[in-house]
Amino acid sequence: MADPNTEASTDLEFVAATVSTPLQRAAGRLRAVLPPGWRVEIVDAPERRYGRREPILRAVMPTD
């Protein structure tokens, strides 16, 4: 019999990996209009004065 804790964590990881957020949808739209070779990353912004960090989109040029 499988360990129920293992199954639950696997299910949660799958759900977290497939959830679409507004930022992920915006990243997809940005990828669609960038030239070939460019990529889009979702990263944490640098800490602000009050320590609040929000994720941002970063467009990265190809290194070729």
Protein backbone atom coordinates (compact mmCIF):
# COMPACT_ATOMS: atom_id res chain seq x y z
CA MET A 1 0.00 0.00 0.00
CA ALA A 2 1.29 3.47 -0.89
CA ASP A 3 2.07 6.05 1.72
CA PRO A 4 -0.83 8.59 1.75
CA ASN A 5 1.54 11.44 2.67
CA THR A 6 3.63 10.80 -0.44
CA GLU A 7 0.58 10.68 -2.69
CA ALA A 8 -0.77 13.93 -1.24
CA SER A 9 2.50 15.81 -1.74
CA THR A 10 2.75 14.54 -5.33
CA ASP A 11 -0.80 15.70 -6.05
CA LEU A 12 -0.09 19.13 -4.56
CA GLU A 13 3.10 19.49 -6.60
CA PHE A 14 1.18 18.61 -9.77
CA VAL A 15 -1.56 21.15 -9.02
CA ALA A 16 1.00 23.87 -8.22
CA ALA A 17 2.86 23.17 -11.45
CA THR A 18 -0.25 23.39 -13.62
CA VAL A 19 -1.96 26.43 -12.09
CA SER A 20 -1.98 29.41 -14.44
CA THR A 21 -1.53 32.80 -12.83
CA PRO A 22 -2.03 36.19 -14.47
CA LEU A 23 1.75 36.68 -14.45
CA GLN A 24 2.32 33.34 -16.20
CA ARG A 25 -0.29 34.24 -18.82
CA ALA A 26 1.40 37.62 -19.38
CA ALA A 27 4.74 35.82 -19.75
CA GLY A 28 3.20 33.59 -22.41
CA ARG A 29 1.86 36.59 -24.33
CA LEU A 30 5.27 38.28 -24.13
CA ARG A 31 7.02 35.10 -25.38
CA ALA A 32 4.66 35.05 -28.35
CA VAL A 33 5.83 38.44 -29.63
CA LEU A 34 9.55 38.29 -28.82
CA PRO A 35 12.04 37.40 -31.55
CA PRO A 36 13.31 33.79 -31.70
CA GLY A 37 15.90 32.96 -29.06
CA TRP A 38 14.59 35.38 -26.45
CA ARG A 39 13.19 33.95 -23.23
CA VAL A 40 10.96 35.24 -20.46
CA GLU A 41 11.65 34.60 -16.79
CA ILE A 42 9.46 35.20 -13.77
CA VAL A 43 11.75 36.36 -10.96
CA ASP A 44 11.46 38.01 -7.56
CA ALA A 45 12.01 41.74 -7.70
CA PRO A 46 14.82 43.24 -5.60
CA GLU A 47 13.75 44.04 -2.07
CA ARG A 48 12.13 47.39 -1.66
CA ARG A 49 12.74 49.72 1.21
CA TYR A 50 10.12 47.92 3.28
CA GLY A 51 11.17 44.41 2.31
CA ARG A 52 8.17 43.54 0.15
CA ARG A 53 9.08 41.50 -2.93
CA GLU A 54 6.81 41.03 -5.91
CA PRO A 55 7.52 38.74 -8.87
CA ILE A 56 8.31 40.49 -12.15
CA LEU A 57 8.85 39.46 -15.77
CA ARG A 58 12.33 39.62 -17.24
CA ALA A 59 12.94 39.40 -21.00
CA VAL A 60 16.37 37.87 -21.63
CA MET A 61 18.24 38.36 -24.91
CA PRO A 62 19.97 35.38 -26.53
CA THR A 63 23.67 35.12 -25.69
CA ASP A 64 24.74 34.25 -29.27
